[in-house]
Amino acid sequence: VAGVPVLASAGNSGDGLNSTSYPAGYAGVISVAATQQNGTRAEFSTVHTYNDVAAPGVAINSATNTGGYKEVNGTSPACALAAGVVALMKAKNPKLTPAQVNDVLIATAQRPAGGGSALLGYGPINANAAVDASASPPKDKTAPAAYDGKEYLGTPDGTPK
């Protein structure tokens, strides 16, 4: 659906076998890494250059499919917590575009020493700051670009330019 921010968990491959993981690796998707309770990267959280932000992902109280709750670890619960922050941001300002959501999350993240990194992206999400900043986000400068070239470099398959 157009206009809906898309978040995806970075993956649980740690710092090995870090080939691109989808949907987290797609342009426009907000990739969420996982942190431990102290805010540092969770050992299992996939290291990749497309990581945007991080959220808690260790010992997260989660509902089970058999009833009750248990603590779980992973970038999936981290992504769920990040999506909750995005929902609060959209509640504060329903006109936020996906690009604005991304920009606000990055601008308000708790930057690690040395700035952004492949470990935690731009840092752990600061929910309070992100929701507050949603009231007056930066201007969305994204727009579709018209194709005006004459050369078509794709393999001809009958699809029009």
N, C-alpha and C. Protein backbone atom coordinates (compact mmCIF):
# COMPACT_ATOMS: atom_id res chain seq x y z
N VAL A 1 0.85 -1.18 0.00
CA VAL A 1 0.00 0.00 0.00
C VAL A 1 0.90 1.24 0.00
N ALA A 2 0.65 2.15 -0.87
CA ALA A 2 1.45 3.36 -0.97
C ALA A 2 1.32 4.20 0.29
N GLY A 3 2.41 4.80 0.72
CA GLY A 3 2.38 5.69 1.87
C GLY A 3 2.51 5.02 3.21
N VAL A 4 2.75 3.72 3.25
CA VAL A 4 2.88 2.99 4.51
C VAL A 4 4.35 2.69 4.76
N PRO A 5 4.89 3.11 5.90
CA PRO A 5 6.29 2.78 6.21
C PRO A 5 6.44 1.27 6.36
N VAL A 6 7.53 0.72 5.81
CA VAL A 6 7.79 -0.70 5.90
C VAL A 6 9.05 -0.91 6.72
N LEU A 7 8.95 -1.72 7.77
CA LEU A 7 10.08 -2.07 8.61
C LEU A 7 10.33 -3.56 8.47
N ALA A 8 11.59 -3.97 8.61
CA ALA A 8 11.93 -5.38 8.55
C ALA A 8 13.08 -5.66 9.52
N SER A 9 13.05 -6.84 10.10
CA SER A 9 14.12 -7.22 11.00
C SER A 9 15.39 -7.48 10.20
N ALA A 10 16.53 -7.08 10.75
CA ALA A 10 17.82 -7.18 10.06
C ALA A 10 18.23 -8.63 9.84
N GLY A 11 17.83 -9.52 10.72
CA GLY A 11 18.22 -10.92 10.64
C GLY A 11 19.03 -11.33 11.86
N ASN A 12 19.16 -12.63 12.05
CA ASN A 12 19.83 -13.17 13.23
C ASN A 12 21.08 -13.96 12.88
N SER A 13 21.82 -13.49 11.87
CA SER A 13 23.04 -14.18 11.42
C SER A 13 24.30 -13.72 12.14
N GLY A 14 24.16 -12.80 13.08
CA GLY A 14 25.34 -12.28 13.78
C GLY A 14 26.28 -11.58 12.83
N ASP A 15 27.57 -11.83 12.99
CA ASP A 15 28.53 -11.15 12.12
C ASP A 15 29.12 -12.09 11.08
N GLY A 16 28.46 -13.21 10.83
CA GLY A 16 28.92 -14.14 9.80
C GLY A 16 27.83 -14.38 8.78
N LEU A 17 28.20 -14.76 7.59
CA LEU A 17 27.25 -15.07 6.51
C LEU A 17 26.29 -13.92 6.24
N ASN A 18 26.82 -12.72 6.19
CA ASN A 18 25.96 -11.55 6.05
C ASN A 18 25.69 -11.16 4.62
N SER A 19 25.17 -12.11 3.86
CA SER A 19 24.71 -11.75 2.53
C SER A 19 23.43 -10.93 2.72
N THR A 20 23.01 -10.27 1.70
CA THR A 20 21.85 -9.40 1.81
C THR A 20 20.62 -10.19 2.22
N SER A 21 19.90 -9.68 3.19
CA SER A 21 18.68 -10.30 3.69
C SER A 21 17.49 -9.46 3.27
N TYR A 22 16.50 -10.11 2.70
CA TYR A 22 15.31 -9.38 2.26
C TYR A 22 14.13 -9.77 3.13
N PRO A 23 13.25 -8.86 3.43
CA PRO A 23 13.06 -7.55 2.81
C PRO A 23 13.92 -6.43 3.40
N ALA A 24 14.71 -6.70 4.45
CA ALA A 24 15.48 -5.63 5.10
C ALA A 24 16.42 -4.92 4.14
N GLY A 25 16.93 -5.62 3.14
CA GLY A 25 17.90 -5.05 2.22
C GLY A 25 17.31 -4.20 1.10
N TYR A 26 16.00 -4.18 0.96
CA TYR A 26 15.39 -3.38 -0.10
C TYR A 26 15.47 -1.89 0.23
N ALA A 27 15.68 -1.09 -0.82
CA ALA A 27 15.66 0.36 -0.65
C ALA A 27 14.29 0.78 -0.15
N GLY A 28 14.26 1.72 0.76
CA GLY A 28 12.99 2.22 1.29
C GLY A 28 12.47 1.46 2.50
N VAL A 29 13.06 0.30 2.80
CA VAL A 29 12.65 -0.47 3.97
C VAL A 29 13.53 -0.05 5.14
N ILE A 30 12.93 0.15 6.29
CA ILE A 30 13.67 0.51 7.51
C ILE A 30 14.11 -0.80 8.16
N SER A 31 15.42 -1.05 8.13
CA SER A 31 15.99 -2.28 8.68
C SER A 31 16.31 -2.07 10.16
N VAL A 32 15.84 -3.00 11.00
CA VAL A 32 15.98 -2.87 12.45
C VAL A 32 16.89 -3.96 13.01
N ALA A 33 18.00 -3.53 13.61
CA ALA A 33 18.93 -4.42 14.30
C ALA A 33 18.46 -4.57 15.75
N ALA A 34 19.09 -5.49 16.49
CA ALA A 34 18.69 -5.74 17.88
C ALA A 34 19.79 -5.35 18.85
N THR A 35 19.36 -4.82 20.01
CA THR A 35 20.30 -4.48 21.08
C THR A 35 20.05 -5.36 22.30
N GLN A 36 21.07 -5.43 23.15
CA GLN A 36 20.95 -6.05 24.47
C GLN A 36 20.36 -5.02 25.42
N GLN A 37 20.15 -5.41 26.67
CA GLN A 37 19.59 -4.49 27.66
C GLN A 37 20.46 -3.27 27.88
N ASN A 38 21.78 -3.38 27.70
CA ASN A 38 22.67 -2.24 27.93
C ASN A 38 22.79 -1.33 26.69
N GLY A 39 22.07 -1.64 25.62
CA GLY A 39 22.07 -0.79 24.44
C GLY A 39 23.11 -1.15 23.39
N THR A 40 23.97 -2.12 23.69
CA THR A 40 24.95 -2.55 22.69
C THR A 40 24.32 -3.60 21.79
N ARG A 41 24.97 -3.87 20.67
CA ARG A 41 24.45 -4.84 19.70
C ARG A 41 24.29 -6.22 20.31
N ALA A 42 23.15 -6.84 20.03
CA ALA A 42 22.94 -8.22 20.44
C ALA A 42 23.83 -9.10 19.55
N GLU A 43 24.47 -10.07 20.14
CA GLU A 43 25.43 -10.93 19.44
C GLU A 43 24.88 -11.55 18.16
N PHE A 44 23.59 -11.88 18.15
CA PHE A 44 22.98 -12.55 17.00
C PHE A 44 22.54 -11.58 15.91
N SER A 45 22.45 -10.30 16.20
CA SER A 45 21.91 -9.32 15.26
C SER A 45 22.81 -9.19 14.03
N THR A 46 22.24 -9.35 12.85
CA THR A 46 23.00 -9.32 11.61
C THR A 46 23.67 -7.97 11.41
N VAL A 47 24.93 -8.03 11.05
CA VAL A 47 25.72 -6.83 10.76
C VAL A 47 25.61 -6.56 9.27
N HIS A 48 25.12 -5.37 8.91
CA HIS A 48 25.03 -5.02 7.49
C HIS A 48 24.94 -3.52 7.31
N THR A 49 25.41 -3.04 6.19
CA THR A 49 25.43 -1.60 5.92
C THR A 49 24.04 -1.01 5.76
N TYR A 50 23.02 -1.82 5.48
CA TYR A 50 21.68 -1.26 5.31
C TYR A 50 20.91 -1.17 6.63
N ASN A 51 21.49 -1.57 7.76
CA ASN A 51 20.81 -1.40 9.05
C ASN A 51 20.57 0.09 9.28
N ASP A 52 19.33 0.43 9.59
CA ASP A 52 18.96 1.84 9.81
C ASP A 52 18.99 2.22 11.27
N VAL A 53 18.29 1.47 12.10
CA VAL A 53 18.17 1.75 13.53
C VAL A 53 18.18 0.44 14.29
N ALA A 54 18.17 0.54 15.61
CA ALA A 54 18.15 -0.65 16.46
C ALA A 54 17.10 -0.48 17.54
N ALA A 55 16.67 -1.61 18.09
CA ALA A 55 15.69 -1.62 19.18
C ALA A 55 15.99 -2.84 20.06
N PRO A 56 15.46 -2.86 21.29
CA PRO A 56 15.72 -4.00 22.18
C PRO A 56 15.30 -5.32 21.54
N GLY A 57 16.17 -6.34 21.66
CA GLY A 57 15.87 -7.64 21.07
C GLY A 57 16.29 -8.81 21.94
N VAL A 58 16.64 -8.57 23.19
CA VAL A 58 17.06 -9.64 24.09
C VAL A 58 16.12 -9.68 25.29
N ALA A 59 15.64 -10.89 25.61
CA ALA A 59 14.75 -11.12 26.75
C ALA A 59 13.48 -10.27 26.66
N ILE A 60 12.86 -10.29 25.48
CA ILE A 60 11.61 -9.55 25.26
C ILE A 60 10.44 -10.45 25.62
N ASN A 61 9.60 -10.01 26.54
CA ASN A 61 8.43 -10.79 26.95
C ASN A 61 7.47 -10.88 25.77
N SER A 62 7.17 -12.11 25.35
CA SER A 62 6.39 -12.32 24.14
C SER A 62 5.30 -13.37 24.36
N ALA A 63 4.16 -13.17 23.70
CA ALA A 63 3.07 -14.15 23.79
C ALA A 63 3.48 -15.42 23.03
N THR A 64 3.07 -16.57 23.56
CA THR A 64 3.34 -17.84 22.88
C THR A 64 2.09 -18.29 22.14
N ASN A 65 2.25 -19.20 21.19
CA ASN A 65 1.10 -19.70 20.45
C ASN A 65 0.32 -20.76 21.22
N THR A 66 0.78 -21.11 22.41
CA THR A 66 0.08 -22.08 23.25
C THR A 66 -0.55 -21.43 24.48
N GLY A 67 -0.49 -20.11 24.53
CA GLY A 67 -1.00 -19.37 25.68
C GLY A 67 0.13 -19.02 26.62
N GLY A 68 0.00 -17.90 27.25
CA GLY A 68 1.04 -17.46 28.17
C GLY A 68 2.11 -16.64 27.48
N TYR A 69 3.20 -16.45 28.19
CA TYR A 69 4.28 -15.61 27.71
C TYR A 69 5.61 -16.26 28.00
N LYS A 70 6.63 -15.87 27.23
CA LYS A 70 8.00 -16.29 27.52
C LYS A 70 8.94 -15.24 26.94
N GLU A 71 10.17 -15.21 27.46
CA GLU A 71 11.16 -14.28 26.95
C GLU A 71 11.77 -14.83 25.68
N VAL A 72 11.89 -13.96 24.66
CA VAL A 72 12.49 -14.36 23.39
C VAL A 72 13.59 -13.38 23.01
N ASN A 73 14.47 -13.85 22.12
CA ASN A 73 15.54 -13.02 21.58
C ASN A 73 15.41 -12.99 20.07
N GLY A 74 15.73 -11.86 19.45
CA GLY A 74 15.76 -11.82 18.00
C GLY A 74 15.54 -10.42 17.46
N THR A 75 15.83 -10.29 16.17
CA THR A 75 15.57 -9.02 15.51
C THR A 75 14.08 -8.87 15.20
N SER A 76 13.34 -9.97 15.20
CA SER A 76 11.88 -9.87 14.99
C SER A 76 11.19 -9.11 16.11
N PRO A 77 11.44 -9.43 17.40
CA PRO A 77 10.83 -8.61 18.44
C PRO A 77 11.35 -7.18 18.44
N ALA A 78 12.62 -6.99 18.05
CA ALA A 78 13.15 -5.63 17.94
C ALA A 78 12.37 -4.84 16.89
N CYS A 79 12.10 -5.49 15.77
CA CYS A 79 11.35 -4.83 14.69
C CYS A 79 9.92 -4.53 15.14
N ALA A 80 9.33 -5.44 15.90
CA ALA A 80 7.96 -5.21 16.40
C ALA A 80 7.92 -3.99 17.32
N LEU A 81 8.94 -3.86 18.18
CA LEU A 81 8.99 -2.69 19.06
C LEU A 81 9.18 -1.41 18.25
N ALA A 82 10.03 -1.47 17.23
CA ALA A 82 10.24 -0.30 16.36
C ALA A 82 8.95 0.06 15.62
N ALA A 83 8.21 -0.95 15.17
CA ALA A 83 6.94 -0.70 14.48
C ALA A 83 5.94 -0.04 15.43
N GLY A 84 5.99 -0.39 16.70
CA GLY A 84 5.13 0.26 17.69
C GLY A 84 5.46 1.74 17.82
N VAL A 85 6.74 2.07 17.78
CA VAL A 85 7.15 3.48 17.82
C VAL A 85 6.63 4.20 16.58
N VAL A 86 6.75 3.56 15.42
CA VAL A 86 6.25 4.17 14.19
C VAL A 86 4.73 4.38 14.27
N ALA A 87 4.01 3.45 14.86
CA ALA A 87 2.56 3.62 15.04
C ALA A 87 2.26 4.84 15.90
N LEU A 88 3.04 5.03 16.96
CA LEU A 88 2.85 6.21 17.81
C LEU A 88 3.19 7.49 17.04
N MET A 89 4.21 7.44 16.20
CA MET A 89 4.57 8.59 15.39
C MET A 89 3.43 8.94 14.43
N LYS A 90 2.86 7.91 13.79
CA LYS A 90 1.76 8.14 12.84
C LYS A 90 0.49 8.61 13.57
N ALA A 91 0.31 8.19 14.81
CA ALA A 91 -0.83 8.66 15.60
C ALA A 91 -0.66 10.15 15.90
N LYS A 92 0.56 10.56 16.16
CA LYS A 92 0.84 11.97 16.44
C LYS A 92 0.70 12.82 15.17
N ASN A 93 1.13 12.26 14.03
CA ASN A 93 1.07 12.99 12.76
C ASN A 93 0.71 12.01 11.64
N PRO A 94 -0.58 11.83 11.36
CA PRO A 94 -1.01 10.87 10.35
C PRO A 94 -0.52 11.18 8.93
N LYS A 95 -0.03 12.39 8.70
CA LYS A 95 0.43 12.77 7.36
C LYS A 95 1.89 12.41 7.11
N LEU A 96 2.57 11.81 8.07
CA LEU A 96 3.97 11.43 7.88
C LEU A 96 4.11 10.48 6.70
N THR A 97 5.06 10.76 5.83
CA THR A 97 5.36 9.85 4.73
C THR A 97 6.37 8.82 5.20
N PRO A 98 6.53 7.72 4.48
CA PRO A 98 7.55 6.75 4.87
C PRO A 98 8.95 7.37 4.95
N ALA A 99 9.28 8.27 4.02
CA ALA A 99 10.60 8.93 4.06
C ALA A 99 10.74 9.78 5.32
N GLN A 100 9.68 10.47 5.72
CA GLN A 100 9.74 11.28 6.93
C GLN A 100 9.89 10.40 8.17
N VAL A 101 9.18 9.28 8.20
CA VAL A 101 9.32 8.35 9.33
C VAL A 101 10.77 7.91 9.45
N ASN A 102 11.36 7.50 8.33
CA ASN A 102 12.75 7.08 8.31
C ASN A 102 13.67 8.20 8.79
N ASP A 103 13.47 9.40 8.25
CA ASP A 103 14.32 10.54 8.62
C ASP A 103 14.21 10.88 10.11
N VAL A 104 13.00 10.84 10.65
CA VAL A 104 12.81 11.16 12.07
C VAL A 104 13.45 10.09 12.95
N LEU A 105 13.25 8.82 12.61
CA LEU A 105 13.86 7.74 13.40
C LEU A 105 15.38 7.89 13.43
N ILE A 106 15.97 8.19 12.28
CA ILE A 106 17.43 8.33 12.19
C ILE A 106 17.90 9.58 12.94
N ALA A 107 17.20 10.69 12.76
CA ALA A 107 17.61 11.95 13.40
C ALA A 107 17.53 11.89 14.92
N THR A 108 16.60 11.10 15.44
CA THR A 108 16.40 11.06 16.89
C THR A 108 17.05 9.84 17.55
N ALA A 109 17.68 8.97 16.76
CA ALA A 109 18.31 7.77 17.32
C ALA A 109 19.47 8.17 18.24
N GLN A 110 19.77 7.29 19.18
CA GLN A 110 20.88 7.52 20.11
C GLN A 110 22.17 7.05 19.43
N ARG A 111 22.83 7.98 18.74
CA ARG A 111 24.01 7.65 17.94
C ARG A 111 25.10 6.98 18.78
N PRO A 112 25.64 5.86 18.27
CA PRO A 112 26.77 5.24 18.97
C PRO A 112 28.02 6.11 18.80
N ALA A 113 29.00 5.90 19.68
CA ALA A 113 30.26 6.65 19.56
C ALA A 113 30.82 6.41 18.17
N GLY A 114 31.20 7.46 17.50
CA GLY A 114 31.74 7.33 16.15
C GLY A 114 30.67 7.43 15.08
N GLY A 115 29.40 7.62 15.45
CA GLY A 115 28.32 7.76 14.46
C GLY A 115 27.70 6.45 14.09
N GLY A 116 27.05 6.41 12.95
CA GLY A 116 26.36 5.22 12.49
C GLY A 116 27.33 4.10 12.15
N SER A 117 26.83 2.88 12.16
CA SER A 117 27.68 1.73 11.85
C SER A 117 26.82 0.59 11.31
N ALA A 118 27.49 -0.40 10.75
CA ALA A 118 26.79 -1.58 10.26
C ALA A 118 26.25 -2.43 11.41
N LEU A 119 26.69 -2.16 12.64
CA LEU A 119 26.22 -2.93 13.80
C LEU A 119 24.82 -2.50 14.22
N LEU A 120 24.64 -1.18 14.44
CA LEU A 120 23.38 -0.67 14.97
C LEU A 120 22.74 0.39 14.07
N GLY A 121 23.18 0.49 12.84
CA GLY A 121 22.65 1.55 11.99
C GLY A 121 23.00 2.90 12.60
N TYR A 122 22.02 3.78 12.67
CA TYR A 122 22.24 5.09 13.27
C TYR A 122 22.05 5.08 14.78
N GLY A 123 21.77 3.91 15.35
CA GLY A 123 21.68 3.76 16.79
C GLY A 123 20.32 3.30 17.26
N PRO A 124 20.23 3.02 18.57
CA PRO A 124 18.96 2.62 19.15
C PRO A 124 17.91 3.73 19.03
N ILE A 125 16.68 3.32 18.77
CA ILE A 125 15.57 4.26 18.66
C ILE A 125 15.32 4.95 19.99
N ASN A 126 15.07 6.24 19.93
CA ASN A 126 14.64 7.00 21.10
C ASN A 126 13.16 7.29 20.87
N ALA A 127 12.29 6.46 21.44
CA ALA A 127 10.86 6.53 21.16
C ALA A 127 10.27 7.90 21.49
N ASN A 128 10.58 8.43 22.65
CA ASN A 128 10.01 9.71 23.06
C ASN A 128 10.42 10.82 22.09
N ALA A 129 11.70 10.87 21.75
CA ALA A 129 12.18 11.91 20.83
C ALA A 129 11.57 11.73 19.44
N ALA A 130 11.42 10.50 18.98
CA ALA A 130 10.85 10.25 17.65
C ALA A 130 9.39 10.70 17.58
N VAL A 131 8.63 10.37 18.61
CA VAL A 131 7.22 10.78 18.63
C VAL A 131 7.12 12.30 18.70
N ASP A 132 7.92 12.93 19.55
CA ASP A 132 7.90 14.40 19.63
C ASP A 132 8.27 15.04 18.30
N ALA A 133 9.31 14.52 17.64
CA ALA A 133 9.79 15.09 16.38
C ALA A 133 8.82 14.87 15.23
N SER A 134 7.90 13.91 15.37
CA SER A 134 6.92 13.66 14.30
C SER A 134 5.96 14.82 14.10
N ALA A 135 5.82 15.66 15.10
CA ALA A 135 4.90 16.80 14.99
C ALA A 135 5.36 17.77 13.91
N SER A 136 6.66 17.92 13.74
CA SER A 136 7.16 18.82 12.70
C SER A 136 8.36 18.17 12.01
N PRO A 137 8.09 17.19 11.13
CA PRO A 137 9.16 16.44 10.47
C PRO A 137 9.85 17.26 9.39
N PRO A 138 11.03 16.82 8.95
CA PRO A 138 11.67 17.48 7.81
C PRO A 138 10.81 17.28 6.56
N LYS A 139 10.95 18.17 5.60
CA LYS A 139 10.18 18.07 4.35
C LYS A 139 10.58 16.80 3.61
N ASP A 140 9.60 16.11 3.05
CA ASP A 140 9.84 14.92 2.25
C ASP A 140 10.25 15.37 0.86
N LYS A 141 11.51 15.10 0.50
CA LYS A 141 12.02 15.52 -0.80
C LYS A 141 12.01 14.40 -1.82
N THR A 142 11.40 13.26 -1.45
CA THR A 142 11.36 12.15 -2.40
C THR A 142 10.22 12.36 -3.39
N ALA A 143 10.44 11.95 -4.62
CA ALA A 143 9.41 12.04 -5.66
C ALA A 143 9.78 11.07 -6.78
N PRO A 144 8.77 10.58 -7.49
CA PRO A 144 9.08 9.71 -8.62
C PRO A 144 9.83 10.51 -9.69
N ALA A 145 10.75 9.87 -10.36
CA ALA A 145 11.48 10.51 -11.44
C ALA A 145 11.00 9.95 -12.77
N ALA A 146 10.68 10.83 -13.68
CA ALA A 146 10.21 10.40 -15.00
C ALA A 146 11.39 9.86 -15.81
N TYR A 147 11.14 8.83 -16.59
CA TYR A 147 12.15 8.28 -17.49
C TYR A 147 12.19 9.16 -18.72
N ASP A 148 13.36 9.73 -19.01
CA ASP A 148 13.44 10.58 -20.18
C ASP A 148 14.57 10.16 -21.11
N GLY A 149 15.17 9.04 -20.85
CA GLY A 149 16.26 8.55 -21.70
C GLY A 149 15.73 7.80 -22.91
N LYS A 150 16.61 7.57 -23.87
CA LYS A 150 16.22 6.85 -25.07
C LYS A 150 16.78 5.43 -25.06
N GLU A 151 17.82 5.21 -24.28
CA GLU A 151 18.46 3.91 -24.28
C GLU A 151 17.78 3.00 -23.27
N TYR A 152 17.50 1.79 -23.70
CA TYR A 152 16.88 0.79 -22.83
C TYR A 152 17.88 -0.34 -22.66
N LEU A 153 18.42 -0.49 -21.44
CA LEU A 153 19.52 -1.42 -21.23
C LEU A 153 19.07 -2.82 -20.81
N GLY A 154 17.78 -3.01 -20.54
CA GLY A 154 17.30 -4.32 -20.11
C GLY A 154 17.20 -5.28 -21.27
N THR A 155 17.18 -6.55 -20.95
CA THR A 155 17.00 -7.57 -21.98
C THR A 155 15.60 -7.44 -22.54
N PRO A 156 15.46 -7.34 -23.85
CA PRO A 156 14.11 -7.20 -24.43
C PRO A 156 13.22 -8.38 -24.08
N ASP A 157 12.10 -8.10 -23.49
CA ASP A 157 11.15 -9.16 -23.14
C ASP A 157 9.73 -8.77 -23.52
N GLY A 158 9.59 -7.71 -24.33
CA GLY A 158 8.27 -7.28 -24.75
C GLY A 158 7.66 -6.24 -23.83
N THR A 159 8.32 -5.95 -22.69
CA THR A 159 7.79 -4.96 -21.74
C THR A 159 8.10 -3.56 -22.28
N PRO A 160 7.10 -2.68 -22.36
CA PRO A 160 7.38 -1.33 -22.85
C PRO A 160 8.21 -0.55 -21.83
N LYS A 161 8.92 0.48 -22.36
CA LYS A 161 9.72 1.33 -21.48
C LYS A 161 8.85 1.96 -20.45
